[in-house]
Full PDB file with SEQRES, HELIX, SHEET, SSBOND, CRYST1, ORIGX, SCALE, CONECT and MASTER records, all heavy atoms in Angstrom:
SEQRES   1 A   32  ASP PRO ASP ASN LEU PRO GLU ALA GLU ARG ILE ARG LEU          
SEQRES   2 A   32  ASN ARG ASP ALA GLU ILE ALA ASP GLN PRO ASP GLU ILE          
SEQRES   3 A   32  ALA VAL ASP ILE ARG LYS                                      
HELIX    1 AA1 PRO A    2  ASN A    4  5                                   3    
HELIX    2 AA2 GLU A    7  ALA A   17  1                                  11    
CRYST1    1.000    1.000    1.000  90.00  90.00  90.00 P 1           1          
ORIGX1      1.000000  0.000000  0.000000        0.00000                         
ORIGX2      0.000000  1.000000  0.000000        0.00000                         
ORIGX3      0.000000  0.000000  1.000000        0.00000                         
SCALE1      1.000000  0.000000  0.000000        0.00000                         
SCALE2      0.000000  1.000000  0.000000        0.00000                         
SCALE3      0.000000  0.000000  1.000000        0.00000                         
ATOM      1  N   ASP A   1      67.969 109.808 118.599  1.00  0.00           N  
ATOM      2  CA  ASP A   1      67.445 108.448 118.030  1.00  0.00           C  
ATOM      3  C   ASP A   1      67.182 108.733 116.691  1.00  0.00           C  
ATOM      4  O   ASP A   1      66.311 109.444 116.160  1.00  0.00           O  
ATOM      5  CB  ASP A   1      66.168 108.198 118.748  1.00  0.00           C  
ATOM      6  CG  ASP A   1      65.759 106.776 118.446  1.00  0.00           C  
ATOM      7  OD1 ASP A   1      66.220 106.152 117.592  1.00  0.00           O  
ATOM      8  OD2 ASP A   1      64.838 106.314 119.215  1.00  0.00           O  
ATOM      9  N   PRO A   2      67.777 108.034 115.677  1.00  0.00           N  
ATOM     10  CA  PRO A   2      67.645 108.185 114.290  1.00  0.00           C  
ATOM     11  C   PRO A   2      66.231 107.816 113.847  1.00  0.00           C  
ATOM     12  O   PRO A   2      65.758 108.312 112.804  1.00  0.00           O  
ATOM     13  CB  PRO A   2      68.636 107.246 113.601  1.00  0.00           C  
ATOM     14  CG  PRO A   2      69.670 107.017 114.642  1.00  0.00           C  
ATOM     15  CD  PRO A   2      69.064 107.053 115.932  1.00  0.00           C  
ATOM     16  N   ASP A   3      65.567 106.905 114.580  1.00  0.00           N  
ATOM     17  CA  ASP A   3      64.202 106.588 114.272  1.00  0.00           C  
ATOM     18  C   ASP A   3      63.194 107.732 114.335  1.00  0.00           C  
ATOM     19  O   ASP A   3      62.081 107.732 113.797  1.00  0.00           O  
ATOM     20  CB  ASP A   3      63.570 105.451 115.108  1.00  0.00           C  
ATOM     21  CG  ASP A   3      64.371 104.116 114.691  1.00  0.00           C  
ATOM     22  OD1 ASP A   3      64.826 103.941 113.670  1.00  0.00           O  
ATOM     23  OD2 ASP A   3      64.447 103.208 115.686  1.00  0.00           O  
ATOM     24  N   ASN A   4      63.626 108.741 115.083  1.00  0.00           N  
ATOM     25  CA  ASN A   4      62.835 110.012 115.215  1.00  0.00           C  
ATOM     26  C   ASN A   4      62.948 111.040 114.062  1.00  0.00           C  
ATOM     27  O   ASN A   4      62.197 111.871 113.998  1.00  0.00           O  
ATOM     28  CB  ASN A   4      63.046 110.731 116.597  1.00  0.00           C  
ATOM     29  CG  ASN A   4      62.687 109.770 117.643  1.00  0.00           C  
ATOM     30  OD1 ASN A   4      61.765 108.944 117.596  1.00  0.00           O  
ATOM     31  ND2 ASN A   4      63.346 110.093 118.895  1.00  0.00           N  
ATOM     32  N   LEU A   5      63.880 110.696 113.100  1.00  0.00           N  
ATOM     33  CA  LEU A   5      64.046 111.693 112.004  1.00  0.00           C  
ATOM     34  C   LEU A   5      62.991 111.331 110.918  1.00  0.00           C  
ATOM     35  O   LEU A   5      62.471 110.149 110.681  1.00  0.00           O  
ATOM     36  CB  LEU A   5      65.454 111.463 111.356  1.00  0.00           C  
ATOM     37  CG  LEU A   5      66.620 111.844 112.157  1.00  0.00           C  
ATOM     38  CD1 LEU A   5      67.887 111.497 111.390  1.00  0.00           C  
ATOM     39  CD2 LEU A   5      66.537 113.341 112.516  1.00  0.00           C  
ATOM     40  N   PRO A   6      62.650 112.316 110.026  1.00  0.00           N  
ATOM     41  CA  PRO A   6      61.784 112.033 108.859  1.00  0.00           C  
ATOM     42  C   PRO A   6      62.460 111.028 108.064  1.00  0.00           C  
ATOM     43  O   PRO A   6      63.699 110.980 107.972  1.00  0.00           O  
ATOM     44  CB  PRO A   6      61.560 113.386 108.284  1.00  0.00           C  
ATOM     45  CG  PRO A   6      61.905 114.327 109.384  1.00  0.00           C  
ATOM     46  CD  PRO A   6      62.878 113.705 110.274  1.00  0.00           C  
ATOM     47  N   GLU A   7      61.664 110.323 107.307  1.00  0.00           N  
ATOM     48  CA  GLU A   7      62.282 109.156 106.506  1.00  0.00           C  
ATOM     49  C   GLU A   7      63.179 109.765 105.460  1.00  0.00           C  
ATOM     50  O   GLU A   7      64.171 109.179 105.186  1.00  0.00           O  
ATOM     51  CB  GLU A   7      61.125 108.393 105.774  1.00  0.00           C  
ATOM     52  CG  GLU A   7      61.804 107.279 105.023  1.00  0.00           C  
ATOM     53  CD  GLU A   7      60.607 106.232 104.603  1.00  0.00           C  
ATOM     54  OE1 GLU A   7      59.784 106.720 103.908  1.00  0.00           O  
ATOM     55  OE2 GLU A   7      60.780 105.076 105.094  1.00  0.00           O  
ATOM     56  N   ALA A   8      62.682 111.034 104.903  1.00  0.00           N  
ATOM     57  CA  ALA A   8      63.633 111.549 103.776  1.00  0.00           C  
ATOM     58  C   ALA A   8      64.972 112.003 104.374  1.00  0.00           C  
ATOM     59  O   ALA A   8      65.924 111.837 103.653  1.00  0.00           O  
ATOM     60  CB  ALA A   8      62.852 112.735 103.218  1.00  0.00           C  
ATOM     61  N   GLU A   9      64.902 112.414 105.678  1.00  0.00           N  
ATOM     62  CA  GLU A   9      66.220 112.731 106.348  1.00  0.00           C  
ATOM     63  C   GLU A   9      67.078 111.500 106.558  1.00  0.00           C  
ATOM     64  O   GLU A   9      68.311 111.556 106.394  1.00  0.00           O  
ATOM     65  CB  GLU A   9      65.952 113.467 107.594  1.00  0.00           C  
ATOM     66  CG  GLU A   9      67.147 114.010 108.279  1.00  0.00           C  
ATOM     67  CD  GLU A   9      67.828 115.103 107.613  1.00  0.00           C  
ATOM     68  OE1 GLU A   9      67.245 115.698 106.665  1.00  0.00           O  
ATOM     69  OE2 GLU A   9      69.086 115.368 107.938  1.00  0.00           O  
ATOM     70  N   ARG A  10      66.418 110.427 106.986  1.00  0.00           N  
ATOM     71  CA  ARG A  10      67.199 109.249 107.157  1.00  0.00           C  
ATOM     72  C   ARG A  10      67.850 108.628 105.784  1.00  0.00           C  
ATOM     73  O   ARG A  10      68.931 108.212 105.780  1.00  0.00           O  
ATOM     74  CB  ARG A  10      66.300 108.042 107.738  1.00  0.00           C  
ATOM     75  CG  ARG A  10      65.920 108.461 109.156  1.00  0.00           C  
ATOM     76  CD  ARG A  10      65.393 107.157 109.904  1.00  0.00           C  
ATOM     77  NE  ARG A  10      64.216 106.453 109.087  1.00  0.00           N  
ATOM     78  CZ  ARG A  10      62.928 106.783 109.392  1.00  0.00           C  
ATOM     79  NH1 ARG A  10      62.656 107.818 110.159  1.00  0.00           N  
ATOM     80  NH2 ARG A  10      62.073 106.163 108.719  1.00  0.00           N  
ATOM     81  N   ILE A  11      67.105 108.858 104.693  1.00  0.00           N  
ATOM     82  CA  ILE A  11      67.628 108.454 103.453  1.00  0.00           C  
ATOM     83  C   ILE A  11      68.820 109.217 103.103  1.00  0.00           C  
ATOM     84  O   ILE A  11      69.823 108.886 102.447  1.00  0.00           O  
ATOM     85  CB  ILE A  11      66.453 108.528 102.331  1.00  0.00           C  
ATOM     86  CG1 ILE A  11      65.378 107.490 102.653  1.00  0.00           C  
ATOM     87  CG2 ILE A  11      67.101 108.308 100.962  1.00  0.00           C  
ATOM     88  CD1 ILE A  11      64.277 107.538 101.748  1.00  0.00           C  
ATOM     89  N   ARG A  12      68.640 110.610 103.344  1.00  0.00           N  
ATOM     90  CA  ARG A  12      69.756 111.539 102.963  1.00  0.00           C  
ATOM     91  C   ARG A  12      71.107 111.166 103.852  1.00  0.00           C  
ATOM     92  O   ARG A  12      72.140 111.241 103.230  1.00  0.00           O  
ATOM     93  CB  ARG A  12      69.358 112.980 103.125  1.00  0.00           C  
ATOM     94  CG  ARG A  12      70.382 114.051 102.785  1.00  0.00           C  
ATOM     95  CD  ARG A  12      70.119 115.345 103.325  1.00  0.00           C  
ATOM     96  NE  ARG A  12      70.230 115.446 104.736  1.00  0.00           N  
ATOM     97  CZ  ARG A  12      71.439 115.444 105.344  1.00  0.00           C  
ATOM     98  NH1 ARG A  12      72.595 115.456 104.693  1.00  0.00           N  
ATOM     99  NH2 ARG A  12      71.390 115.487 106.698  1.00  0.00           N  
ATOM    100  N   LEU A  13      70.788 110.922 105.154  1.00  0.00           N  
ATOM    101  CA  LEU A  13      71.868 110.720 105.971  1.00  0.00           C  
ATOM    102  C   LEU A  13      72.622 109.324 105.576  1.00  0.00           C  
ATOM    103  O   LEU A  13      73.800 109.180 105.613  1.00  0.00           O  
ATOM    104  CB  LEU A  13      71.460 110.528 107.468  1.00  0.00           C  
ATOM    105  CG  LEU A  13      72.438 110.374 108.599  1.00  0.00           C  
ATOM    106  CD1 LEU A  13      73.530 111.500 108.528  1.00  0.00           C  
ATOM    107  CD2 LEU A  13      71.717 110.301 109.894  1.00  0.00           C  
ATOM    108  N   ASN A  14      71.757 108.436 105.159  1.00  0.00           N  
ATOM    109  CA  ASN A  14      72.362 107.121 104.691  1.00  0.00           C  
ATOM    110  C   ASN A  14      73.263 107.263 103.436  1.00  0.00           C  
ATOM    111  O   ASN A  14      74.204 106.760 103.302  1.00  0.00           O  
ATOM    112  CB  ASN A  14      71.302 106.045 104.441  1.00  0.00           C  
ATOM    113  CG  ASN A  14      71.758 104.647 104.140  1.00  0.00           C  
ATOM    114  OD1 ASN A  14      72.297 103.925 104.954  1.00  0.00           O  
ATOM    115  ND2 ASN A  14      71.625 104.333 102.920  1.00  0.00           N  
ATOM    116  N   ARG A  15      72.634 108.141 102.538  1.00  0.00           N  
ATOM    117  CA  ARG A  15      73.442 108.404 101.336  1.00  0.00           C  
ATOM    118  C   ARG A  15      74.694 109.090 101.674  1.00  0.00           C  
ATOM    119  O   ARG A  15      75.780 108.738 100.962  1.00  0.00           O  
ATOM    120  CB  ARG A  15      72.559 109.462 100.409  1.00  0.00           C  
ATOM    121  CG  ARG A  15      73.201 109.633  98.970  1.00  0.00           C  
ATOM    122  CD  ARG A  15      72.299 110.410  98.217  1.00  0.00           C  
ATOM    123  NE  ARG A  15      70.873 109.980  98.082  1.00  0.00           N  
ATOM    124  CZ  ARG A  15      69.774 110.580  98.660  1.00  0.00           C  
ATOM    125  NH1 ARG A  15      70.048 111.745  99.238  1.00  0.00           N  
ATOM    126  NH2 ARG A  15      68.604 110.086  98.552  1.00  0.00           N  
ATOM    127  N   ASP A  16      74.678 109.896 102.660  1.00  0.00           N  
ATOM    128  CA  ASP A  16      76.116 110.572 102.998  1.00  0.00           C  
ATOM    129  C   ASP A  16      77.032 109.445 103.552  1.00  0.00           C  
ATOM    130  O   ASP A  16      78.241 109.500 103.352  1.00  0.00           O  
ATOM    131  CB  ASP A  16      75.813 111.651 104.055  1.00  0.00           C  
ATOM    132  CG  ASP A  16      75.160 112.908 103.437  1.00  0.00           C  
ATOM    133  OD1 ASP A  16      75.142 112.987 102.208  1.00  0.00           O  
ATOM    134  OD2 ASP A  16      74.667 113.707 104.251  1.00  0.00           O  
ATOM    135  N   ALA A  17      76.531 108.584 104.334  1.00  0.00           N  
ATOM    136  CA  ALA A  17      77.367 107.661 105.023  1.00  0.00           C  
ATOM    137  C   ALA A  17      77.774 106.584 103.961  1.00  0.00           C  
ATOM    138  O   ALA A  17      78.839 105.890 104.191  1.00  0.00           O  
ATOM    139  CB  ALA A  17      76.497 106.943 106.039  1.00  0.00           C  
ATOM    140  N   GLU A  18      77.153 106.402 102.768  1.00  0.00           N  
ATOM    141  CA  GLU A  18      77.538 105.466 101.762  1.00  0.00           C  
ATOM    142  C   GLU A  18      78.470 106.059 100.738  1.00  0.00           C  
ATOM    143  O   GLU A  18      78.737 105.332  99.804  1.00  0.00           O  
ATOM    144  CB  GLU A  18      76.281 104.897 101.103  1.00  0.00           C  
ATOM    145  CG  GLU A  18      75.502 103.900 101.966  1.00  0.00           C  
ATOM    146  CD  GLU A  18      74.401 103.271 101.238  1.00  0.00           C  
ATOM    147  OE1 GLU A  18      73.819 104.027 100.227  1.00  0.00           O  
ATOM    148  OE2 GLU A  18      73.999 102.104 101.479  1.00  0.00           O  
ATOM    149  N   ILE A  19      78.895 107.328 100.892  1.00  0.00           N  
ATOM    150  CA  ILE A  19      79.813 107.943 100.019  1.00  0.00           C  
ATOM    151  C   ILE A  19      81.108 107.034  99.814  1.00  0.00           C  
ATOM    152  O   ILE A  19      81.575 106.698  98.698  1.00  0.00           O  
ATOM    153  CB  ILE A  19      80.127 109.363 100.385  1.00  0.00           C  
ATOM    154  CG1 ILE A  19      78.906 110.191 100.069  1.00  0.00           C  
ATOM    155  CG2 ILE A  19      81.252 109.908  99.521  1.00  0.00           C  
ATOM    156  CD1 ILE A  19      79.142 111.635 100.626  1.00  0.00           C  
ATOM    157  N   ALA A  20      81.693 106.755 101.016  1.00  0.00           N  
ATOM    158  CA  ALA A  20      82.788 105.833 100.899  1.00  0.00           C  
ATOM    159  C   ALA A  20      82.537 104.355 100.712  1.00  0.00           C  
ATOM    160  O   ALA A  20      83.081 103.589 100.006  1.00  0.00           O  
ATOM    161  CB  ALA A  20      83.660 105.838 102.245  1.00  0.00           C  
ATOM    162  N   ASP A  21      81.286 103.945 101.264  1.00  0.00           N  
ATOM    163  CA  ASP A  21      80.869 102.652 101.076  1.00  0.00           C  
ATOM    164  C   ASP A  21      81.925 101.532 101.495  1.00  0.00           C  
ATOM    165  O   ASP A  21      82.210 100.484 100.864  1.00  0.00           O  
ATOM    166  CB  ASP A  21      80.384 102.365  99.721  1.00  0.00           C  
ATOM    167  CG  ASP A  21      79.596 100.959  99.623  1.00  0.00           C  
ATOM    168  OD1 ASP A  21      78.881 100.642 100.674  1.00  0.00           O  
ATOM    169  OD2 ASP A  21      79.394 100.483  98.467  1.00  0.00           O  
ATOM    170  N   GLN A  22      82.583 101.799 102.653  1.00  0.00           N  
ATOM    171  CA  GLN A  22      83.630 100.913 103.047  1.00  0.00           C  
ATOM    172  C   GLN A  22      83.241 100.400 104.503  1.00  0.00           C  
ATOM    173  O   GLN A  22      82.885 101.058 105.317  1.00  0.00           O  
ATOM    174  CB  GLN A  22      85.002 101.662 103.269  1.00  0.00           C  
ATOM    175  CG  GLN A  22      85.468 102.129 101.921  1.00  0.00           C  
ATOM    176  CD  GLN A  22      85.916 100.972 100.986  1.00  0.00           C  
ATOM    177  OE1 GLN A  22      86.257  99.962 101.285  1.00  0.00           O  
ATOM    178  NE2 GLN A  22      85.760 101.311  99.636  1.00  0.00           N  
ATOM    179  N   PRO A  23      83.362  98.944 104.701  1.00  0.00           N  
ATOM    180  CA  PRO A  23      83.060  98.460 105.982  1.00  0.00           C  
ATOM    181  C   PRO A  23      83.881  98.787 107.118  1.00  0.00           C  
ATOM    182  O   PRO A  23      83.568  98.540 108.257  1.00  0.00           O  
ATOM    183  CB  PRO A  23      83.141  96.928 105.777  1.00  0.00           C  
ATOM    184  CG  PRO A  23      84.150  96.837 104.660  1.00  0.00           C  
ATOM    185  CD  PRO A  23      83.939  97.975 103.823  1.00  0.00           C  
ATOM    186  N   ASP A  24      85.030  99.509 106.872  1.00  0.00           N  
ATOM    187  CA  ASP A  24      85.878  99.942 107.872  1.00  0.00           C  
ATOM    188  C   ASP A  24      85.636 101.453 108.210  1.00  0.00           C  
ATOM    189  O   ASP A  24      86.486 101.994 108.992  1.00  0.00           O  
ATOM    190  CB  ASP A  24      87.393  99.703 107.456  1.00  0.00           C  
ATOM    191  CG  ASP A  24      87.692 100.561 106.178  1.00  0.00           C  
ATOM    192  OD1 ASP A  24      86.972 100.549 105.315  1.00  0.00           O  
ATOM    193  OD2 ASP A  24      88.880 101.023 106.209  1.00  0.00           O  
ATOM    194  N   GLU A  25      84.574 101.952 107.785  1.00  0.00           N  
ATOM    195  CA  GLU A  25      84.312 103.301 108.124  1.00  0.00           C  
ATOM    196  C   GLU A  25      82.948 103.503 108.789  1.00  0.00           C  
ATOM    197  O   GLU A  25      82.005 102.732 108.520  1.00  0.00           O  
ATOM    198  CB  GLU A  25      84.295 104.262 106.850  1.00  0.00           C  
ATOM    199  CG  GLU A  25      85.691 104.309 106.212  1.00  0.00           C  
ATOM    200  CD  GLU A  25      85.746 105.476 105.086  1.00  0.00           C  
ATOM    201  OE1 GLU A  25      84.532 106.059 104.918  1.00  0.00           O  
ATOM    202  OE2 GLU A  25      86.744 105.755 104.636  1.00  0.00           O  
ATOM    203  N   ILE A  26      82.679 104.316 109.812  1.00  0.00           N  
ATOM    204  CA  ILE A  26      81.652 104.499 110.411  1.00  0.00           C  
ATOM    205  C   ILE A  26      81.212 106.094 110.521  1.00  0.00           C  
ATOM    206  O   ILE A  26      82.131 106.808 110.852  1.00  0.00           O  
ATOM    207  CB  ILE A  26      81.572 103.893 111.955  1.00  0.00           C  
ATOM    208  CG1 ILE A  26      80.287 103.941 112.625  1.00  0.00           C  
ATOM    209  CG2 ILE A  26      82.690 104.418 112.690  1.00  0.00           C  
ATOM    210  CD1 ILE A  26      80.092 103.075 113.832  1.00  0.00           C  
ATOM    211  N   ALA A  27      79.884 106.300 110.296  1.00  0.00           N  
ATOM    212  CA  ALA A  27      79.606 107.812 110.091  1.00  0.00           C  
ATOM    213  C   ALA A  27      79.326 108.262 111.522  1.00  0.00           C  
ATOM    214  O   ALA A  27      78.854 107.537 112.416  1.00  0.00           O  
ATOM    215  CB  ALA A  27      78.485 107.938 109.196  1.00  0.00           C  
ATOM    216  N   VAL A  28      79.474 109.564 111.750  1.00  0.00           N  
ATOM    217  CA  VAL A  28      79.205 110.297 112.834  1.00  0.00           C  
ATOM    218  C   VAL A  28      78.280 111.517 112.495  1.00  0.00           C  
ATOM    219  O   VAL A  28      78.637 112.287 111.609  1.00  0.00           O  
ATOM    220  CB  VAL A  28      80.407 110.746 113.627  1.00  0.00           C  
ATOM    221  CG1 VAL A  28      80.030 111.419 114.825  1.00  0.00           C  
ATOM    222  CG2 VAL A  28      81.297 109.553 114.043  1.00  0.00           C  
ATOM    223  N   ASP A  29      77.138 111.694 113.247  1.00  0.00           N  
ATOM    224  CA  ASP A  29      76.377 112.880 113.033  1.00  0.00           C  
ATOM    225  C   ASP A  29      75.940 113.461 114.427  1.00  0.00           C  
ATOM    226  O   ASP A  29      74.887 112.987 115.007  1.00  0.00           O  
ATOM    227  CB  ASP A  29      75.218 112.522 112.128  1.00  0.00           C  
ATOM    228  CG  ASP A  29      74.410 113.752 111.836  1.00  0.00           C  
ATOM    229  OD1 ASP A  29      74.941 114.787 111.373  1.00  0.00           O  
ATOM    230  OD2 ASP A  29      73.161 113.708 111.880  1.00  0.00           O  
ATOM    231  N   ILE A  30      76.702 114.331 114.997  1.00  0.00           N  
ATOM    232  CA  ILE A  30      76.259 114.955 116.250  1.00  0.00           C  
ATOM    233  C   ILE A  30      75.560 116.454 115.886  1.00  0.00           C  
ATOM    234  O   ILE A  30      76.332 117.291 115.228  1.00  0.00           O  
ATOM    235  CB  ILE A  30      77.595 115.221 117.098  1.00  0.00           C  
ATOM    236  CG1 ILE A  30      78.190 113.814 117.436  1.00  0.00           C  
ATOM    237  CG2 ILE A  30      77.102 115.825 118.425  1.00  0.00           C  
ATOM    238  CD1 ILE A  30      77.293 112.843 118.092  1.00  0.00           C  
ATOM    239  N   ARG A  31      74.395 116.578 116.227  1.00  0.00           N  
ATOM    240  CA  ARG A  31      73.546 117.747 115.873  1.00  0.00           C  
ATOM    241  C   ARG A  31      73.329 118.697 116.910  1.00  0.00           C  
ATOM    242  O   ARG A  31      73.298 118.288 118.193  1.00  0.00           O  
ATOM    243  CB  ARG A  31      72.259 117.300 115.176  1.00  0.00           C  
ATOM    244  CG  ARG A  31      72.432 116.454 114.040  1.00  0.00           C  
ATOM    245  CD  ARG A  31      71.151 116.190 113.242  1.00  0.00           C  
ATOM    246  NE  ARG A  31      71.319 115.362 112.075  1.00  0.00           N  
ATOM    247  CZ  ARG A  31      70.310 115.205 111.136  1.00  0.00           C  
ATOM    248  NH1 ARG A  31      69.101 115.805 111.282  1.00  0.00           N  
ATOM    249  NH2 ARG A  31      70.562 114.618 110.125  1.00  0.00           N  
ATOM    250  N   LYS A  32      73.133 119.907 116.620  1.00  0.00           N  
ATOM    251  CA  LYS A  32      72.680 120.942 117.513  1.00  0.00           C  
ATOM    252  C   LYS A  32      71.307 120.525 118.050  1.00  0.00           C  
ATOM    253  O   LYS A  32      70.575 119.820 117.423  1.00  0.00           O  
ATOM    254  CB  LYS A  32      72.642 122.359 116.849  1.00  0.00           C  
ATOM    255  CG  LYS A  32      74.002 122.757 116.346  1.00  0.00           C  
ATOM    256  CD  LYS A  32      73.822 124.115 115.790  1.00  0.00           C  
ATOM    257  CE  LYS A  32      75.259 124.671 115.217  1.00  0.00           C  
ATOM    258  NZ  LYS A  32      75.113 126.019 114.524  1.00  0.00           N  
TER     259      LYS A  32                                                      
MASTER        0    0    0    2    0    0    0    6  258    1    0    3          
END                                                                             
């Protein structure tokens, strides 16, 4: 659940997802 991440981590993850900044791309983050 992304809401359970610290806010700084959510911001970093969103920054990674916005690298392409294209509406036809969707990020995936499967963690240990």
